């Protein structure tokens, strides 16, 4: 993932140290993978700040809502109740 993020910053002529990232992650992403992602983005890329958030929460934020029900259809179907930004 670090290579993709680096390519995006380079293509936009932006310095990663000057920006923060919001990373949308699936619910099934385990803690070890999350920790590795955070380490790679901070240490390897040098981003200023980072927010990891679940895709379902970000979907609600896109509609200016913090509570609701998100139906996630992908490899499987998940119905996720979210209250005040927490699933």
PDB file of N, CA and C in Angstrom:
ATOM      1  N   UNK A   1       0.818  -1.190   0.000  1.00  0.00           N
ATOM      2  CA  UNK A   1       0.000   0.000   0.000  1.00  0.00           C
ATOM      3  C   UNK A   1       0.867   1.261   0.000  1.00  0.00           C
ATOM      4  N   UNK A   2       1.998   1.181   0.672  1.00  0.00           N
ATOM      5  CA  UNK A   2       2.870   2.344   0.771  1.00  0.00           C
ATOM      6  C   UNK A   2       3.269   2.845  -0.612  1.00  0.00           C
ATOM      7  N   UNK A   3       3.518   1.914  -1.553  1.00  0.00           N
ATOM      8  CA  UNK A   3       3.893   2.312  -2.911  1.00  0.00           C
ATOM      9  C   UNK A   3       2.780   3.068  -3.623  1.00  0.00           C
ATOM     10  N   UNK A   4       1.540   2.634  -3.424  1.00  0.00           N
ATOM     11  CA  UNK A   4       0.398   3.306  -4.048  1.00  0.00           C
ATOM     12  C   UNK A   4       0.236   4.708  -3.487  1.00  0.00           C
ATOM     13  N   UNK A   5       0.337   4.841  -2.173  1.00  0.00           N
ATOM     14  CA  UNK A   5       0.194   6.155  -1.547  1.00  0.00           C
ATOM     15  C   UNK A   5       1.332   7.075  -1.993  1.00  0.00           C
ATOM     16  N   UNK A   6       2.546   6.543  -2.051  1.00  0.00           N
ATOM     17  CA  UNK A   6       3.694   7.330  -2.511  1.00  0.00           C
ATOM     18  C   UNK A   6       3.473   7.808  -3.949  1.00  0.00           C
ATOM     19  N   UNK A   7       2.954   6.937  -4.812  1.00  0.00           N
ATOM     20  CA  UNK A   7       2.674   7.297  -6.204  1.00  0.00           C
ATOM     21  C   UNK A   7       1.631   8.411  -6.287  1.00  0.00           C
ATOM     22  N   UNK A   8       0.594   8.336  -5.467  1.00  0.00           N
ATOM     23  CA  UNK A   8      -0.443   9.370  -5.464  1.00  0.00           C
ATOM     24  C   UNK A   8       0.150  10.718  -5.049  1.00  0.00           C
ATOM     25  N   UNK A   9       0.920  10.723  -3.975  1.00  0.00           N
ATOM     26  CA  UNK A   9       1.556  11.973  -3.545  1.00  0.00           C
ATOM     27  C   UNK A   9       2.478  12.529  -4.628  1.00  0.00           C
ATOM     28  N   UNK A  10       3.269  11.642  -5.254  1.00  0.00           N
ATOM     29  CA  UNK A  10       4.188  12.096  -6.298  1.00  0.00           C
ATOM     30  C   UNK A  10       3.421  12.639  -7.498  1.00  0.00           C
ATOM     31  N   UNK A  11       2.359  11.960  -7.904  1.00  0.00           N
ATOM     32  CA  UNK A  11       1.564  12.396  -9.056  1.00  0.00           C
ATOM     33  C   UNK A  11       0.912  13.751  -8.823  1.00  0.00           C
ATOM     34  N   UNK A  12       0.554  14.030  -7.590  1.00  0.00           N
ATOM     35  CA  UNK A  12      -0.086  15.298  -7.245  1.00  0.00           C
ATOM     36  C   UNK A  12       0.929  16.373  -6.843  1.00  0.00           C
ATOM     37  N   UNK A  13       2.211  16.009  -6.881  1.00  0.00           N
ATOM     38  CA  UNK A  13       3.303  16.919  -6.476  1.00  0.00           C
ATOM     39  C   UNK A  13       3.097  17.433  -5.052  1.00  0.00           C
ATOM     40  N   UNK A  14       2.789  16.526  -4.140  1.00  0.00           N
ATOM     41  CA  UNK A  14       2.564  16.864  -2.746  1.00  0.00           C
ATOM     42  C   UNK A  14       3.598  16.161  -1.871  1.00  0.00           C
ATOM     43  N   UNK A  15       3.966  16.781  -0.765  1.00  0.00           N
ATOM     44  CA  UNK A  15       4.887  16.186   0.199  1.00  0.00           C
ATOM     45  C   UNK A  15       4.082  15.482   1.292  1.00  0.00           C
ATOM     46  N   UNK A  16       4.280  14.167   1.492  1.00  0.00           N
ATOM     47  CA  UNK A  16       3.510  13.428   2.503  1.00  0.00           C
ATOM     48  C   UNK A  16       3.623  14.015   3.905  1.00  0.00           C
ATOM     49  N   UNK A  17       4.763  14.614   4.234  1.00  0.00           N
ATOM     50  CA  UNK A  17       4.962  15.181   5.576  1.00  0.00           C
ATOM     51  C   UNK A  17       4.068  16.394   5.842  1.00  0.00           C
ATOM     52  N   UNK A  18       3.462  16.932   4.801  1.00  0.00           N
ATOM     53  CA  UNK A  18       2.613  18.106   4.956  1.00  0.00           C
ATOM     54  C   UNK A  18       1.125  17.759   5.032  1.00  0.00           C
ATOM     55  N   UNK A  19       0.796  16.473   4.915  1.00  0.00           N
ATOM     56  CA  UNK A  19      -0.614  16.083   4.856  1.00  0.00           C
ATOM     57  C   UNK A  19      -0.905  14.905   5.763  1.00  0.00           C
ATOM     58  N   UNK A  20      -2.165  14.800   6.141  1.00  0.00           N
ATOM     59  CA  UNK A  20      -2.652  13.653   6.879  1.00  0.00           C
ATOM     60  C   UNK A  20      -3.448  12.759   5.944  1.00  0.00           C
ATOM     61  N   UNK A  21      -3.660  11.531   6.358  1.00  0.00           N
ATOM     62  CA  UNK A  21      -4.421  10.580   5.549  1.00  0.00           C
ATOM     63  C   UNK A  21      -5.603  10.037   6.342  1.00  0.00           C
ATOM     64  N   UNK A  22      -6.689   9.783   5.636  1.00  0.00           N
ATOM     65  CA  UNK A  22      -7.803   9.023   6.179  1.00  0.00           C
ATOM     66  C   UNK A  22      -7.833   7.724   5.390  1.00  0.00           C
ATOM     67  N   UNK A  23      -7.655   6.608   6.083  1.00  0.00           N
ATOM     68  CA  UNK A  23      -7.612   5.301   5.423  1.00  0.00           C
ATOM     69  C   UNK A  23      -8.896   4.556   5.754  1.00  0.00           C
ATOM     70  N   UNK A  24      -9.594   4.160   4.719  1.00  0.00           N
ATOM     71  CA  UNK A  24     -10.813   3.384   4.853  1.00  0.00           C
ATOM     72  C   UNK A  24     -10.431   1.909   4.887  1.00  0.00           C
ATOM     73  N   UNK A  25     -10.823   1.212   5.952  1.00  0.00           N
ATOM     74  CA  UNK A  25     -10.439  -0.192   6.086  1.00  0.00           C
ATOM     75  C   UNK A  25     -11.666  -1.067   6.285  1.00  0.00           C
ATOM     76  N   UNK A  26     -11.576  -2.312   5.837  1.00  0.00           N
ATOM     77  CA  UNK A  26     -12.691  -3.245   6.049  1.00  0.00           C
ATOM     78  C   UNK A  26     -12.752  -3.683   7.504  1.00  0.00           C
ATOM     79  N   UNK A  27     -13.914  -4.146   7.936  1.00  0.00           N
ATOM     80  CA  UNK A  27     -14.093  -4.588   9.325  1.00  0.00           C
ATOM     81  C   UNK A  27     -13.201  -5.763   9.674  1.00  0.00           C
ATOM     82  N   UNK A  28     -12.886  -6.601   8.698  1.00  0.00           N
ATOM     83  CA  UNK A  28     -12.141  -7.832   8.953  1.00  0.00           C
ATOM     84  C   UNK A  28     -10.629  -7.619   9.061  1.00  0.00           C
ATOM     85  N   UNK A  29     -10.147  -6.398   8.950  1.00  0.00           N
ATOM     86  CA  UNK A  29      -8.710  -6.139   9.015  1.00  0.00           C
ATOM     87  C   UNK A  29      -8.232  -6.329  10.455  1.00  0.00           C
ATOM     88  N   UNK A  30      -7.324  -7.296  10.652  1.00  0.00           N
ATOM     89  CA  UNK A  30      -6.884  -7.625  12.006  1.00  0.00           C
ATOM     90  C   UNK A  30      -5.944  -6.561  12.580  1.00  0.00           C
ATOM     91  N   UNK A  31      -5.759  -6.595  13.888  1.00  0.00           N
ATOM     92  CA  UNK A  31      -4.951  -5.587  14.588  1.00  0.00           C
ATOM     93  C   UNK A  31      -3.499  -5.582  14.134  1.00  0.00           C
ATOM     94  N   UNK A  32      -2.930  -6.746  13.853  1.00  0.00           N
ATOM     95  CA  UNK A  32      -1.534  -6.812  13.419  1.00  0.00           C
ATOM     96  C   UNK A  32      -1.350  -6.111  12.073  1.00  0.00           C
ATOM     97  N   UNK A  33      -2.288  -6.293  11.165  1.00  0.00           N
ATOM     98  CA  UNK A  33      -2.225  -5.643   9.858  1.00  0.00           C
ATOM     99  C   UNK A  33      -2.416  -4.138  10.004  1.00  0.00           C
ATOM    100  N   UNK A  34      -3.322  -3.726  10.880  1.00  0.00           N
ATOM    101  CA  UNK A  34      -3.521  -2.296  11.134  1.00  0.00           C
ATOM    102  C   UNK A  34      -2.249  -1.662  11.686  1.00  0.00           C
ATOM    103  N   UNK A  35      -1.603  -2.340  12.629  1.00  0.00           N
ATOM    104  CA  UNK A  35      -0.369  -1.815  13.228  1.00  0.00           C
ATOM    105  C   UNK A  35       0.736  -1.693  12.178  1.00  0.00           C
ATOM    106  N   UNK A  36       0.849  -2.689  11.299  1.00  0.00           N
ATOM    107  CA  UNK A  36       1.862  -2.641  10.245  1.00  0.00           C
ATOM    108  C   UNK A  36       1.579  -1.490   9.284  1.00  0.00           C
ATOM    109  N   UNK A  37       0.317  -1.295   8.945  1.00  0.00           N
ATOM    110  CA  UNK A  37      -0.079  -0.205   8.061  1.00  0.00           C
ATOM    111  C   UNK A  37       0.288   1.151   8.667  1.00  0.00           C
ATOM    112  N   UNK A  38      -0.026   1.328   9.940  1.00  0.00           N
ATOM    113  CA  UNK A  38       0.288   2.585  10.623  1.00  0.00           C
ATOM    114  C   UNK A  38       1.798   2.813  10.645  1.00  0.00           C
ATOM    115  N   UNK A  39       2.554   1.774  10.981  1.00  0.00           N
ATOM    116  CA  UNK A  39       4.015   1.895  11.026  1.00  0.00           C
ATOM    117  C   UNK A  39       4.573   2.243   9.649  1.00  0.00           C
ATOM    118  N   UNK A  40       4.108   1.568   8.610  1.00  0.00           N
ATOM    119  CA  UNK A  40       4.593   1.839   7.248  1.00  0.00           C
ATOM    120  C   UNK A  40       4.294   3.265   6.806  1.00  0.00           C
ATOM    121  N   UNK A  41       3.103   3.750   7.108  1.00  0.00           N
ATOM    122  CA  UNK A  41       2.733   5.085   6.661  1.00  0.00           C
ATOM    123  C   UNK A  41       3.456   6.184   7.445  1.00  0.00           C
ATOM    124  N   UNK A  42       3.644   5.981   8.741  1.00  0.00           N
ATOM    125  CA  UNK A  42       4.367   6.987   9.532  1.00  0.00           C
ATOM    126  C   UNK A  42       5.874   6.912   9.297  1.00  0.00           C
ATOM    127  N   UNK A  43       6.443   5.719   9.456  1.00  0.00           N
ATOM    128  CA  UNK A  43       7.894   5.570   9.359  1.00  0.00           C
ATOM    129  C   UNK A  43       8.393   5.560   7.919  1.00  0.00           C
ATOM    130  N   UNK A  44       7.707   4.835   7.058  1.00  0.00           N
ATOM    131  CA  UNK A  44       8.165   4.696   5.682  1.00  0.00           C
ATOM    132  C   UNK A  44       7.836   5.879   4.797  1.00  0.00           C
ATOM    133  N   UNK A  45       6.657   6.438   4.971  1.00  0.00           N
ATOM    134  CA  UNK A  45       6.218   7.523   4.101  1.00  0.00           C
ATOM    135  C   UNK A  45       6.320   8.885   4.783  1.00  0.00           C
ATOM    136  N   UNK A  46       6.194   8.885   6.094  1.00  0.00           N
ATOM    137  CA  UNK A  46       6.330  10.129   6.843  1.00  0.00           C
ATOM    138  C   UNK A  46       5.111  11.016   6.818  1.00  0.00           C
ATOM    139  N   UNK A  47       3.903  10.427   6.754  1.00  0.00           N
ATOM    140  CA  UNK A  47       2.702  11.257   6.765  1.00  0.00           C
ATOM    141  C   UNK A  47       2.595  11.982   8.102  1.00  0.00           C
ATOM    142  N   UNK A  48       1.976  13.158   8.089  1.00  0.00           N
ATOM    143  CA  UNK A  48       1.867  13.993   9.288  1.00  0.00           C
ATOM    144  C   UNK A  48       0.886  13.403  10.296  1.00  0.00           C
ATOM    145  N   UNK A  49      -0.240  12.914   9.810  1.00  0.00           N
ATOM    146  CA  UNK A  49      -1.242  12.324  10.696  1.00  0.00           C
ATOM    147  C   UNK A  49      -2.004  11.248   9.937  1.00  0.00           C
ATOM    148  N   UNK A  50      -2.704  10.408  10.691  1.00  0.00           N
ATOM    149  CA  UNK A  50      -3.368   9.263  10.082  1.00  0.00           C
ATOM    150  C   UNK A  50      -4.619   8.918  10.876  1.00  0.00           C
ATOM    151  N   UNK A  51      -5.700   8.657  10.168  1.00  0.00           N
ATOM    152  CA  UNK A  51      -6.939   8.173  10.777  1.00  0.00           C
ATOM    153  C   UNK A  51      -7.309   6.879  10.068  1.00  0.00           C
ATOM    154  N   UNK A  52      -7.476   5.811  10.838  1.00  0.00           N
ATOM    155  CA  UNK A  52      -8.000   4.559  10.305  1.00  0.00           C
ATOM    156  C   UNK A  52      -9.463   4.488  10.696  1.00  0.00           C
ATOM    157  N   UNK A  53     -10.320   4.301   9.723  1.00  0.00           N
ATOM    158  CA  UNK A  53     -11.750   4.241  10.012  1.00  0.00           C
ATOM    159  C   UNK A  53     -12.383   3.140   9.178  1.00  0.00           C
ATOM    160  N   UNK A  54     -13.415   2.544   9.734  1.00  0.00           N
ATOM    161  CA  UNK A  54     -14.116   1.490   8.999  1.00  0.00           C
ATOM    162  C   UNK A  54     -14.911   2.084   7.842  1.00  0.00           C
ATOM    163  N   UNK A  55     -14.991   1.337   6.773  1.00  0.00           N
ATOM    164  CA  UNK A  55     -15.680   1.784   5.564  1.00  0.00           C
ATOM    165  C   UNK A  55     -17.126   2.166   5.854  1.00  0.00           C
ATOM    166  N   UNK A  56     -17.783   1.413   6.708  1.00  0.00           N
ATOM    167  CA  UNK A  56     -19.195   1.675   6.995  1.00  0.00           C
ATOM    168  C   UNK A  56     -19.385   3.016   7.705  1.00  0.00           C
ATOM    169  N   UNK A  57     -18.484   3.354   8.622  1.00  0.00           N
ATOM    170  CA  UNK A  57     -18.568   4.637   9.330  1.00  0.00           C
ATOM    171  C   UNK A  57     -18.347   5.787   8.350  1.00  0.00           C
ATOM    172  N   UNK A  58     -17.355   5.640   7.469  1.00  0.00           N
ATOM    173  CA  UNK A  58     -17.090   6.685   6.480  1.00  0.00           C
ATOM    174  C   UNK A  58     -18.254   6.843   5.502  1.00  0.00           C
ATOM    175  N   UNK A  59     -18.931   5.755   5.196  1.00  0.00           N
ATOM    176  CA  UNK A  59     -20.095   5.836   4.309  1.00  0.00           C
ATOM    177  C   UNK A  59     -21.180   6.708   4.944  1.00  0.00           C
ATOM    178  N   UNK A  60     -21.384   6.554   6.242  1.00  0.00           N
ATOM    179  CA  UNK A  60     -22.367   7.407   6.926  1.00  0.00           C
ATOM    180  C   UNK A  60     -21.909   8.859   6.966  1.00  0.00           C
ATOM    181  N   UNK A  61     -20.625   9.082   7.250  1.00  0.00           N
ATOM    182  CA  UNK A  61     -20.098  10.451   7.284  1.00  0.00           C
ATOM    183  C   UNK A  61     -20.297  11.137   5.941  1.00  0.00           C
ATOM    184  N   UNK A  62     -20.217  10.385   4.847  1.00  0.00           N
ATOM    185  CA  UNK A  62     -20.411  10.967   3.517  1.00  0.00           C
ATOM    186  C   UNK A  62     -21.817  11.540   3.363  1.00  0.00           C
ATOM    187  N   UNK A  63     -22.763  11.036   4.156  1.00  0.00           N
ATOM    188  CA  UNK A  63     -24.134  11.542   4.134  1.00  0.00           C
ATOM    189  C   UNK A  63     -24.420  12.446   5.329  1.00  0.00           C
ATOM    190  N   UNK A  64     -23.347  12.946   5.952  1.00  0.00           N
ATOM    191  CA  UNK A  64     -23.454  13.858   7.085  1.00  0.00           C
ATOM    192  C   UNK A  64     -24.245  13.235   8.237  1.00  0.00           C
ATOM    193  N   UNK A  65     -24.004  11.947   8.478  1.00  0.00           N
ATOM    194  CA  UNK A  65     -24.683  11.240   9.563  1.00  0.00           C
ATOM    195  C   UNK A  65     -23.644  10.493  10.398  1.00  0.00           C
ATOM    196  N   UNK A  66     -23.930  10.328  11.672  1.00  0.00           N
ATOM    197  CA  UNK A  66     -23.042   9.544  12.529  1.00  0.00           C
ATOM    198  C   UNK A  66     -23.723   8.289  13.054  1.00  0.00           C
ATOM    199  N   UNK A  67     -25.018   8.181  12.842  1.00  0.00           N
ATOM    200  CA  UNK A  67     -25.768   6.999  13.257  1.00  0.00           C
ATOM    201  C   UNK A  67     -26.637   6.530  12.107  1.00  0.00           C
ATOM    202  N   UNK A  68     -26.769   5.210  11.995  1.00  0.00           N
ATOM    203  CA  UNK A  68     -27.606   4.646  10.945  1.00  0.00           C
ATOM    204  C   UNK A  68     -27.300   3.180  10.756  1.00  0.00           C
ATOM    205  N   UNK A  69     -27.834   2.622   9.698  1.00  0.00           N
ATOM    206  CA  UNK A  69     -27.591   1.228   9.349  1.00  0.00           C
ATOM    207  C   UNK A  69     -26.956   1.204   7.965  1.00  0.00           C
ATOM    208  N   UNK A  70     -25.824   0.512   7.859  1.00  0.00           N
ATOM    209  CA  UNK A  70     -25.122   0.389   6.587  1.00  0.00           C
ATOM    210  C   UNK A  70     -25.207  -1.062   6.142  1.00  0.00           C
ATOM    211  N   UNK A  71     -25.622  -1.278   4.916  1.00  0.00           N
ATOM    212  CA  UNK A  71     -25.641  -2.616   4.333  1.00  0.00           C
ATOM    213  C   UNK A  71     -24.441  -2.704   3.411  1.00  0.00           C
ATOM    214  N   UNK A  72     -23.475  -3.552   3.787  1.00  0.00           N
ATOM    215  CA  UNK A  72     -22.230  -3.717   3.040  1.00  0.00           C
ATOM    216  C   UNK A  72     -22.326  -5.010   2.240  1.00  0.00           C
ATOM    217  N   UNK A  73     -22.357  -4.887   0.925  1.00  0.00           N
ATOM    218  CA  UNK A  73     -22.458  -6.050   0.055  1.00  0.00           C
ATOM    219  C   UNK A  73     -21.134  -6.205  -0.679  1.00  0.00           C
ATOM    220  N   UNK A  74     -20.449  -7.300  -0.415  1.00  0.00           N
ATOM    221  CA  UNK A  74     -19.162  -7.590  -1.039  1.00  0.00           C
ATOM    222  C   UNK A  74     -19.013  -9.087  -1.153  1.00  0.00           C
ATOM    223  N   UNK A  75     -17.916  -9.626  -0.610  1.00  0.00           N
ATOM    224  CA  UNK A  75     -17.738 -11.075  -0.578  1.00  0.00           C
ATOM    225  C   UNK A  75     -18.840 -11.730   0.237  1.00  0.00           C
ATOM    226  N   UNK A  76     -19.317 -10.974   1.201  1.00  0.00           N
ATOM    227  CA  UNK A  76     -20.467 -11.415   1.998  1.00  0.00           C
ATOM    228  C   UNK A  76     -21.341 -10.186   2.240  1.00  0.00           C
ATOM    229  N   UNK A  77     -22.493 -10.389   2.836  1.00  0.00           N
ATOM    230  CA  UNK A  77     -23.393  -9.269   3.123  1.00  0.00           C
ATOM    231  C   UNK A  77     -23.365  -9.005   4.624  1.00  0.00           C
ATOM    232  N   UNK A  78     -23.052  -7.769   4.991  1.00  0.00           N
ATOM    233  CA  UNK A  78     -23.055  -7.363   6.390  1.00  0.00           C
ATOM    234  C   UNK A  78     -24.056  -6.238   6.572  1.00  0.00           C
ATOM    235  N   UNK A  79     -24.846  -6.317   7.613  1.00  0.00           N
ATOM    236  CA  UNK A  79     -25.749  -5.235   8.000  1.00  0.00           C
ATOM    237  C   UNK A  79     -25.186  -4.686   9.305  1.00  0.00           C
ATOM    238  N   UNK A  80     -24.740  -3.424   9.261  1.00  0.00           N
ATOM    239  CA  UNK A  80     -24.008  -2.857  10.383  1.00  0.00           C
ATOM    240  C   UNK A  80     -24.750  -1.680  11.002  1.00  0.00           C
ATOM    241  N   UNK A  81     -25.234  -1.850  12.222  1.00  0.00           N
ATOM    242  CA  UNK A  81     -25.798  -0.701  12.924  1.00  0.00           C
ATOM    243  C   UNK A  81     -24.654   0.152  13.470  1.00  0.00           C
ATOM    244  N   UNK A  82     -24.741   1.446  13.298  1.00  0.00           N
ATOM    245  CA  UNK A  82     -23.711   2.364  13.772  1.00  0.00           C
ATOM    246  C   UNK A  82     -24.380   3.457  14.587  1.00  0.00           C
ATOM    247  N   UNK A  83     -23.854   3.675  15.790  1.00  0.00           N
ATOM    248  CA  UNK A  83     -24.408   4.683  16.683  1.00  0.00           C
ATOM    249  C   UNK A  83     -23.304   5.638  17.089  1.00  0.00           C
ATOM    250  N   UNK A  84     -23.480   6.887  16.767  1.00  0.00           N
ATOM    251  CA  UNK A  84     -22.501   7.940  17.084  1.00  0.00           C
ATOM    252  C   UNK A  84     -21.093   7.592  16.591  1.00  0.00           C
ATOM    253  N   UNK A  85     -21.002   7.069  15.362  1.00  0.00           N
ATOM    254  CA  UNK A  85     -19.719   6.795  14.730  1.00  0.00           C
ATOM    255  C   UNK A  85     -19.029   5.529  15.172  1.00  0.00           C
ATOM    256  N   UNK A  86     -19.704   4.681  15.960  1.00  0.00           N
ATOM    257  CA  UNK A  86     -19.105   3.434  16.427  1.00  0.00           C
ATOM    258  C   UNK A  86     -19.939   2.251  15.960  1.00  0.00           C
ATOM    259  N   UNK A  87     -19.249   1.271  15.382  1.00  0.00           N
ATOM    260  CA  UNK A  87     -19.971   0.084  14.899  1.00  0.00           C
ATOM    261  C   UNK A  87     -19.939  -1.032  15.929  1.00  0.00           C
TER     262      UNK A  87
END
